[in-house]
Amino acid sequence: MAIDRVETCLFRVPSVFPPVHTALTLLSGDRSDQGVRIEPRTRCGAGHSRTPTDGTQGDAIVVKAHIEPIRQTVTVQCDPGRAFDLFTNQMRTWWPVESYSRAVSELQHEDVKVAELVFQARMGGSILERLTDGRILPWAEVIGWQPPHRVLLSWRPHSAPEPPTEVDVKFAQREGGTLVEIEHRGWERLSEQFREGLYEVYDRGWPTTLQCFVVVADRASAKD
């Protein structure tokens, strides 16, 4: 699948993240009369954490649902070293910035585009979006760096006052190529209103974005 044919709607984050419907507010309303506030079990697992509140509701506790990580796998026809380098150092060659970038999600009403996507391939490095007007917008920080086996990212490609999630990418040798596994986790850290819109965007968008990676990796391997 050619990159220019990728459907841009799947991984686009709106300039103002999708508002949470009033119904969700009602579903997650404060049940202080029962001493417990329960958050909806969106993508919940069996485990729930129970933590005390700040004391403003007496002995009330918060029951937080476990949010299932988004997991995707793809296989590319090259060795792990090459796949790792392509995913990190050469991210600019395959990431669909016309579909997913801060220029698209936050600045669509301005006359700016992505000039360059920079992945600083080292521990503590950043992923940076350079705009045509000179601005530089951060996406992520490298918090785990084990080439060619794993890269761990503190992921926050937005300006919302929300904590980062984590994107964990692993590379494993397979016959004829490399298995690339992505786990996007840490959704429990986000506020419910922010998470509700964003989770579905990434759930749909990671497969499309990774397909761009596969196309470029396999095309490069075919030229060898």
C-alpha atoms as a PDB file:
ATOM      1  CA  MET A   1       0.000   0.000   0.000  1.00  0.00           C
ATOM      2  CA  ALA A   2       1.525   3.290  -1.023  1.00  0.00           C
ATOM      3  CA  ILE A   3       1.940   5.820   1.741  1.00  0.00           C
ATOM      4  CA  ASP A   4       0.108   8.522  -0.157  1.00  0.00           C
ATOM      5  CA  ARG A   5      -2.991   6.339  -0.194  1.00  0.00           C
ATOM      6  CA  VAL A   6      -3.193   5.982   3.563  1.00  0.00           C
ATOM      7  CA  GLU A   7      -6.523   7.244   4.835  1.00  0.00           C
ATOM      8  CA  THR A   8      -5.702  10.374   6.754  1.00  0.00           C
ATOM      9  CA  CYS A   9      -8.850  10.393   8.867  1.00  0.00           C
ATOM     10  CA  LEU A  10      -7.940   7.422  11.035  1.00  0.00           C
ATOM     11  CA  PHE A  11      -5.092   8.876  13.022  1.00  0.00           C
ATOM     12  CA  ARG A  12      -5.984  12.535  13.136  1.00  0.00           C
ATOM     13  CA  VAL A  13      -6.357  14.143  16.544  1.00  0.00           C
ATOM     14  CA  PRO A  14      -8.761  17.088  16.343  1.00  0.00           C
ATOM     15  CA  SER A  15      -7.554  20.545  17.323  1.00  0.00           C
ATOM     16  CA  VAL A  16      -9.822  20.356  20.312  1.00  0.00           C
ATOM     17  CA  PHE A  17      -9.922  16.760  21.418  1.00  0.00           C
ATOM     18  CA  PRO A  18     -13.354  15.189  21.018  1.00  0.00           C
ATOM     19  CA  PRO A  19     -15.691  16.450  23.738  1.00  0.00           C
ATOM     20  CA  VAL A  20     -17.023  13.898  26.134  1.00  0.00           C
ATOM     21  CA  HIS A  21     -20.749  13.446  25.803  1.00  0.00           C
ATOM     22  CA  THR A  22     -22.908  14.534  28.647  1.00  0.00           C
ATOM     23  CA  ALA A  23     -23.927  10.925  29.131  1.00  0.00           C
ATOM     24  CA  LEU A  24     -20.359  10.007  30.057  1.00  0.00           C
ATOM     25  CA  THR A  25     -20.370  12.664  32.742  1.00  0.00           C
ATOM     26  CA  LEU A  26     -23.551  11.193  34.144  1.00  0.00           C
ATOM     27  CA  LEU A  27     -22.144   7.684  34.027  1.00  0.00           C
ATOM     28  CA  SER A  28     -19.050   8.720  35.950  1.00  0.00           C
ATOM     29  CA  GLY A  29     -20.848  11.064  38.335  1.00  0.00           C
ATOM     30  CA  ASP A  30     -19.867  11.498  41.949  1.00  0.00           C
ATOM     31  CA  ARG A  31     -21.666   8.894  44.033  1.00  0.00           C
ATOM     32  CA  SER A  32     -20.658  10.474  47.296  1.00  0.00           C
ATOM     33  CA  ASP A  33     -23.902   9.443  48.916  1.00  0.00           C
ATOM     34  CA  GLN A  34     -22.597   5.875  48.732  1.00  0.00           C
ATOM     35  CA  GLY A  35     -19.071   6.801  49.746  1.00  0.00           C
ATOM     36  CA  VAL A  36     -17.630   5.560  46.440  1.00  0.00           C
ATOM     37  CA  ARG A  37     -16.912   7.205  43.091  1.00  0.00           C
ATOM     38  CA  ILE A  38     -16.686   4.737  40.216  1.00  0.00           C
ATOM     39  CA  GLU A  39     -15.094   5.487  36.858  1.00  0.00           C
ATOM     40  CA  PRO A  40     -16.521   3.700  33.800  1.00  0.00           C
ATOM     41  CA  ARG A  41     -14.853   0.437  32.892  1.00  0.00           C
ATOM     42  CA  THR A  42     -13.664   1.442  29.445  1.00  0.00           C
ATOM     43  CA  ARG A  43     -11.431  -1.326  28.135  1.00  0.00           C
ATOM     44  CA  CYS A  44     -11.173  -2.622  31.687  1.00  0.00           C
ATOM     45  CA  GLY A  45      -9.290  -5.625  32.879  1.00  0.00           C
ATOM     46  CA  ALA A  46      -9.967  -7.547  36.038  1.00  0.00           C
ATOM     47  CA  GLY A  47      -7.636  -5.527  38.244  1.00  0.00           C
ATOM     48  CA  HIS A  48      -8.781  -2.270  39.829  1.00  0.00           C
ATOM     49  CA  SER A  49      -6.778   0.061  42.010  1.00  0.00           C
ATOM     50  CA  ARG A  50      -8.377   1.560  45.099  1.00  0.00           C
ATOM     51  CA  THR A  51      -6.819   4.767  46.348  1.00  0.00           C
ATOM     52  CA  PRO A  52      -8.021   7.225  48.977  1.00  0.00           C
ATOM     53  CA  THR A  53      -9.265  10.634  47.879  1.00  0.00           C
ATOM     54  CA  ASP A  54      -7.960  13.933  49.211  1.00  0.00           C
ATOM     55  CA  GLY A  55     -10.356  13.688  52.116  1.00  0.00           C
ATOM     56  CA  THR A  56     -12.953  16.113  50.801  1.00  0.00           C
ATOM     57  CA  GLN A  57     -15.487  13.301  50.658  1.00  0.00           C
ATOM     58  CA  GLY A  58     -14.873  11.775  54.052  1.00  0.00           C
ATOM     59  CA  ASP A  59     -14.013   8.117  53.764  1.00  0.00           C
ATOM     60  CA  ALA A  60     -14.803   7.924  50.052  1.00  0.00           C
ATOM     61  CA  ILE A  61     -12.487   5.936  47.807  1.00  0.00           C
ATOM     62  CA  VAL A  62     -11.864   6.048  44.073  1.00  0.00           C
ATOM     63  CA  VAL A  63     -12.133   2.812  42.103  1.00  0.00           C
ATOM     64  CA  LYS A  64     -10.067   3.183  38.949  1.00  0.00           C
ATOM     65  CA  ALA A  65     -10.427   0.779  36.067  1.00  0.00           C
ATOM     66  CA  HIS A  66      -7.440  -0.788  34.344  1.00  0.00           C
ATOM     67  CA  ILE A  67      -7.345   0.465  30.757  1.00  0.00           C
ATOM     68  CA  GLU A  68      -6.179  -2.202  28.342  1.00  0.00           C
ATOM     69  CA  PRO A  69      -3.010  -1.169  26.465  1.00  0.00           C
ATOM     70  CA  ILE A  70      -3.211  -0.836  22.703  1.00  0.00           C
ATOM     71  CA  ARG A  71      -1.073  -3.571  21.155  1.00  0.00           C
ATOM     72  CA  GLN A  72      -0.077  -4.025  17.530  1.00  0.00           C
ATOM     73  CA  THR A  73       2.449  -6.225  15.727  1.00  0.00           C
ATOM     74  CA  VAL A  74       3.895  -6.118  12.232  1.00  0.00           C
ATOM     75  CA  THR A  75       6.633  -8.068  10.462  1.00  0.00           C
ATOM     76  CA  VAL A  76       9.167  -6.449   8.162  1.00  0.00           C
ATOM     77  CA  GLN A  77      11.578  -8.103   5.750  1.00  0.00           C
ATOM     78  CA  CYS A  78      14.835  -6.901   7.267  1.00  0.00           C
ATOM     79  CA  ASP A  79      17.003  -7.673  10.278  1.00  0.00           C
ATOM     80  CA  PRO A  80      16.311  -6.128  13.722  1.00  0.00           C
ATOM     81  CA  GLY A  81      19.158  -3.642  13.451  1.00  0.00           C
ATOM     82  CA  ARG A  82      17.817  -2.156  10.257  1.00  0.00           C
ATOM     83  CA  ALA A  83      14.220  -2.206  11.489  1.00  0.00           C
ATOM     84  CA  PHE A  84      15.239  -0.459  14.709  1.00  0.00           C
ATOM     85  CA  ASP A  85      17.146   2.243  12.837  1.00  0.00           C
ATOM     86  CA  LEU A  86      14.279   2.820  10.440  1.00  0.00           C
ATOM     87  CA  PHE A  87      11.732   3.097  13.230  1.00  0.00           C
ATOM     88  CA  THR A  88      13.837   5.538  15.239  1.00  0.00           C
ATOM     89  CA  ASN A  89      16.528   7.459  13.407  1.00  0.00           C
ATOM     90  CA  GLN A  90      14.616   7.419  10.113  1.00  0.00           C
ATOM     91  CA  MET A  91      11.091   7.943  11.450  1.00  0.00           C
ATOM     92  CA  ARG A  92      10.787  10.984   9.162  1.00  0.00           C
ATOM     93  CA  THR A  93      10.812   8.665   6.116  1.00  0.00           C
ATOM     94  CA  TRP A  94       7.651   6.766   7.029  1.00  0.00           C
ATOM     95  CA  TRP A  95       5.577   8.558   9.673  1.00  0.00           C
ATOM     96  CA  PRO A  96       2.447  10.026   7.970  1.00  0.00           C
ATOM     97  CA  VAL A  97       2.732  13.617   9.216  1.00  0.00           C
ATOM     98  CA  GLU A  98      -0.017  14.628   6.803  1.00  0.00           C
ATOM     99  CA  SER A  99      -2.337  12.474   8.911  1.00  0.00           C
ATOM    100  CA  TYR A 100      -0.866  12.684  12.378  1.00  0.00           C
ATOM    101  CA  SER A 101       1.130  15.654  13.583  1.00  0.00           C
ATOM    102  CA  ARG A 102       0.620  18.589  15.877  1.00  0.00           C
ATOM    103  CA  ALA A 103       0.392  20.829  12.828  1.00  0.00           C
ATOM    104  CA  VAL A 104      -2.674  18.823  11.789  1.00  0.00           C
ATOM    105  CA  SER A 105      -4.224  18.368  15.215  1.00  0.00           C
ATOM    106  CA  GLU A 106      -3.581  21.763  16.784  1.00  0.00           C
ATOM    107  CA  LEU A 107      -2.708  24.259  14.059  1.00  0.00           C
ATOM    108  CA  GLN A 108      -4.973  23.341  11.165  1.00  0.00           C
ATOM    109  CA  HIS A 109      -6.240  26.930  10.934  1.00  0.00           C
ATOM    110  CA  GLU A 110      -2.726  28.308  10.535  1.00  0.00           C
ATOM    111  CA  ASP A 111      -0.680  28.367   7.368  1.00  0.00           C
ATOM    112  CA  VAL A 112       1.959  25.945   8.631  1.00  0.00           C
ATOM    113  CA  LYS A 113       3.084  22.448   7.755  1.00  0.00           C
ATOM    114  CA  VAL A 114       5.596  19.947   9.074  1.00  0.00           C
ATOM    115  CA  ALA A 115       9.003  20.750   7.643  1.00  0.00           C
ATOM    116  CA  GLU A 116      10.824  17.887   9.338  1.00  0.00           C
ATOM    117  CA  LEU A 117      10.316  15.166  11.924  1.00  0.00           C
ATOM    118  CA  VAL A 118      13.391  14.610  14.080  1.00  0.00           C
ATOM    119  CA  PHE A 119      14.013  11.537  16.224  1.00  0.00           C
ATOM    120  CA  GLN A 120      17.008  12.095  18.488  1.00  0.00           C
ATOM    121  CA  ALA A 121      18.156   8.482  18.594  1.00  0.00           C
ATOM    122  CA  ARG A 122      19.640   8.236  22.073  1.00  0.00           C
ATOM    123  CA  MET A 123      18.650   7.825  25.696  1.00  0.00           C
ATOM    124  CA  GLY A 124      17.032  11.070  26.812  1.00  0.00           C
ATOM    125  CA  GLY A 125      16.521  12.202  23.227  1.00  0.00           C
ATOM    126  CA  SER A 126      13.294  13.676  21.914  1.00  0.00           C
ATOM    127  CA  ILE A 127      10.974  13.360  18.965  1.00  0.00           C
ATOM    128  CA  LEU A 128      10.509  16.867  17.580  1.00  0.00           C
ATOM    129  CA  GLU A 129       8.197  18.309  14.957  1.00  0.00           C
ATOM    130  CA  ARG A 130       9.769  21.241  13.110  1.00  0.00           C
ATOM    131  CA  LEU A 131       7.264  23.532  11.409  1.00  0.00           C
ATOM    132  CA  THR A 132       7.657  25.637   8.303  1.00  0.00           C
ATOM    133  CA  ASP A 133       7.415  28.809  10.415  1.00  0.00           C
ATOM    134  CA  GLY A 134      10.375  27.761  12.580  1.00  0.00           C
ATOM    135  CA  ARG A 135       8.513  26.494  15.629  1.00  0.00           C
ATOM    136  CA  ILE A 136       9.581  23.215  17.206  1.00  0.00           C
ATOM    137  CA  LEU A 137       6.926  21.090  18.896  1.00  0.00           C
ATOM    138  CA  PRO A 138       7.867  18.091  21.092  1.00  0.00           C
ATOM    139  CA  TRP A 139       6.196  14.709  20.765  1.00  0.00           C
ATOM    140  CA  ALA A 140       8.046  12.349  23.075  1.00  0.00           C
ATOM    141  CA  GLU A 141      11.131  11.595  25.159  1.00  0.00           C
ATOM    142  CA  VAL A 142      13.257   8.456  24.883  1.00  0.00           C
ATOM    143  CA  ILE A 143      13.203   6.855  28.348  1.00  0.00           C
ATOM    144  CA  GLY A 144      14.432   3.395  27.312  1.00  0.00           C
ATOM    145  CA  TRP A 145      17.101   2.749  24.670  1.00  0.00           C
ATOM    146  CA  GLN A 146      18.300  -0.791  23.909  1.00  0.00           C
ATOM    147  CA  PRO A 147      19.246  -0.986  20.215  1.00  0.00           C
ATOM    148  CA  PRO A 148      18.387  -3.029  18.282  1.00  0.00           C
ATOM    149  CA  HIS A 149      15.897  -4.684  20.614  1.00  0.00           C
ATOM    150  CA  ARG A 150      13.757  -2.041  22.288  1.00  0.00           C
ATOM    151  CA  VAL A 151      12.889   1.638  22.508  1.00  0.00           C
ATOM    152  CA  LEU A 152      10.572   3.084  25.172  1.00  0.00           C
ATOM    153  CA  LEU A 153       8.959   6.484  24.700  1.00  0.00           C
ATOM    154  CA  SER A 154       7.271   8.860  27.108  1.00  0.00           C
ATOM    155  CA  TRP A 155       4.576   9.883  24.642  1.00  0.00           C
ATOM    156  CA  ARG A 156       2.888  13.299  24.701  1.00  0.00           C
ATOM    157  CA  PRO A 157       2.413  14.812  21.207  1.00  0.00           C
ATOM    158  CA  HIS A 158      -0.015  17.510  22.311  1.00  0.00           C
ATOM    159  CA  SER A 159      -0.221  20.647  24.421  1.00  0.00           C
ATOM    160  CA  ALA A 160      -3.005  19.515  26.749  1.00  0.00           C
ATOM    161  CA  PRO A 161      -2.288  19.661  30.506  1.00  0.00           C
ATOM    162  CA  GLU A 162      -2.186  15.873  30.729  1.00  0.00           C
ATOM    163  CA  PRO A 163       0.613  13.436  31.669  1.00  0.00           C
ATOM    164  CA  PRO A 164       2.329  11.319  29.016  1.00  0.00           C
ATOM    165  CA  THR A 165       1.457   7.769  28.117  1.00  0.00           C
ATOM    166  CA  GLU A 166       4.128   5.213  27.148  1.00  0.00           C
ATOM    167  CA  VAL A 167       4.901   3.630  23.798  1.00  0.00           C
ATOM    168  CA  ASP A 168       7.032   0.490  24.133  1.00  0.00           C
ATOM    169  CA  VAL A 169       8.461  -0.890  20.859  1.00  0.00           C
ATOM    170  CA  LYS A 170      10.281  -4.221  20.694  1.00  0.00           C
ATOM    171  CA  PHE A 171      12.142  -5.842  17.793  1.00  0.00           C
ATOM    172  CA  ALA A 172      12.693  -9.609  17.573  1.00  0.00           C
ATOM    173  CA  GLN A 173      14.443 -11.682  14.921  1.00  0.00           C
ATOM    174  CA  ARG A 174      12.154 -13.974  12.965  1.00  0.00           C
ATOM    175  CA  GLU A 175      12.820 -16.184   9.976  1.00  0.00           C
ATOM    176  CA  GLY A 176      13.017 -13.880   6.987  1.00  0.00           C
ATOM    177  CA  GLY A 177      12.556 -10.677   8.934  1.00  0.00           C
ATOM    178  CA  THR A 178      11.797  -8.892  12.185  1.00  0.00           C
ATOM    179  CA  LEU A 179       8.713  -8.918  14.371  1.00  0.00           C
ATOM    180  CA  VAL A 180       7.932  -5.420  15.656  1.00  0.00           C
ATOM    181  CA  GLU A 181       5.648  -5.241  18.690  1.00  0.00           C
ATOM    182  CA  ILE A 182       4.111  -2.017  19.984  1.00  0.00           C
ATOM    183  CA  GLU A 183       2.382  -1.566  23.309  1.00  0.00           C
ATOM    184  CA  HIS A 184       0.804   1.829  24.001  1.00  0.00           C
ATOM    185  CA  ARG A 185      -0.025   1.929  27.693  1.00  0.00           C
ATOM    186  CA  GLY A 186      -0.545   4.193  30.673  1.00  0.00           C
ATOM    187  CA  TRP A 187      -4.029   5.356  29.714  1.00  0.00           C
ATOM    188  CA  GLU A 188      -5.074   5.327  33.375  1.00  0.00           C
ATOM    189  CA  ARG A 189      -2.895   8.396  33.920  1.00  0.00           C
ATOM    190  CA  LEU A 190      -5.114  10.573  31.747  1.00  0.00           C
ATOM    191  CA  SER A 191      -8.268  12.310  32.810  1.00  0.00           C
ATOM    192  CA  GLU A 192     -11.383  10.473  31.722  1.00  0.00           C
ATOM    193  CA  GLN A 193     -12.565  13.266  29.438  1.00  0.00           C
ATOM    194  CA  PHE A 194      -9.255  13.456  27.592  1.00  0.00           C
ATOM    195  CA  ARG A 195      -8.834   9.686  27.361  1.00  0.00           C
ATOM    196  CA  GLU A 196     -12.290   8.913  25.965  1.00  0.00           C
ATOM    197  CA  GLY A 197     -11.602  10.640  22.652  1.00  0.00           C
ATOM    198  CA  LEU A 198      -7.912   9.874  22.349  1.00  0.00           C
ATOM    199  CA  TYR A 199      -7.946   6.127  23.021  1.00  0.00           C
ATOM    200  CA  GLU A 200     -10.148   5.321  20.037  1.00  0.00           C
ATOM    201  CA  VAL A 201      -8.070   7.559  17.769  1.00  0.00           C
ATOM    202  CA  TYR A 202      -4.925   5.595  18.570  1.00  0.00           C
ATOM    203  CA  ASP A 203      -6.718   2.243  18.536  1.00  0.00           C
ATOM    204  CA  ARG A 204      -7.678   2.906  14.914  1.00  0.00           C
ATOM    205  CA  GLY A 205      -4.562   4.816  14.005  1.00  0.00           C
ATOM    206  CA  TRP A 206      -1.667   2.588  15.046  1.00  0.00           C
ATOM    207  CA  PRO A 207      -2.443  -0.115  12.439  1.00  0.00           C
ATOM    208  CA  THR A 208      -2.580   2.482   9.670  1.00  0.00           C
ATOM    209  CA  THR A 209       0.599   4.204  10.790  1.00  0.00           C
ATOM    210  CA  LEU A 210       2.525   0.947  11.177  1.00  0.00           C
ATOM    211  CA  GLN A 211       1.502  -0.058   7.687  1.00  0.00           C
ATOM    212  CA  CYS A 212       3.454   2.984   6.465  1.00  0.00           C
ATOM    213  CA  PHE A 213       6.465   1.633   8.347  1.00  0.00           C
ATOM    214  CA  VAL A 214       6.065  -1.799   6.744  1.00  0.00           C
ATOM    215  CA  VAL A 215       5.807  -0.339   3.239  1.00  0.00           C
ATOM    216  CA  VAL A 216       9.002   1.685   3.586  1.00  0.00           C
ATOM    217  CA  ALA A 217      10.937  -1.128   5.308  1.00  0.00           C
ATOM    218  CA  ASP A 218      10.001  -3.746   2.739  1.00  0.00           C
ATOM    219  CA  ARG A 219      10.632  -1.391  -0.152  1.00  0.00           C
ATOM    220  CA  ALA A 220      14.118  -0.671   1.151  1.00  0.00           C
ATOM    221  CA  SER A 221      14.815  -4.388   1.592  1.00  0.00           C
ATOM    222  CA  ALA A 222      13.658  -5.145  -1.951  1.00  0.00           C
ATOM    223  CA  LYS A 223      16.258  -2.728  -3.334  1.00  0.00           C
ATOM    224  CA  ASP A 224      19.134  -4.604  -1.690  1.00  0.00           C
END
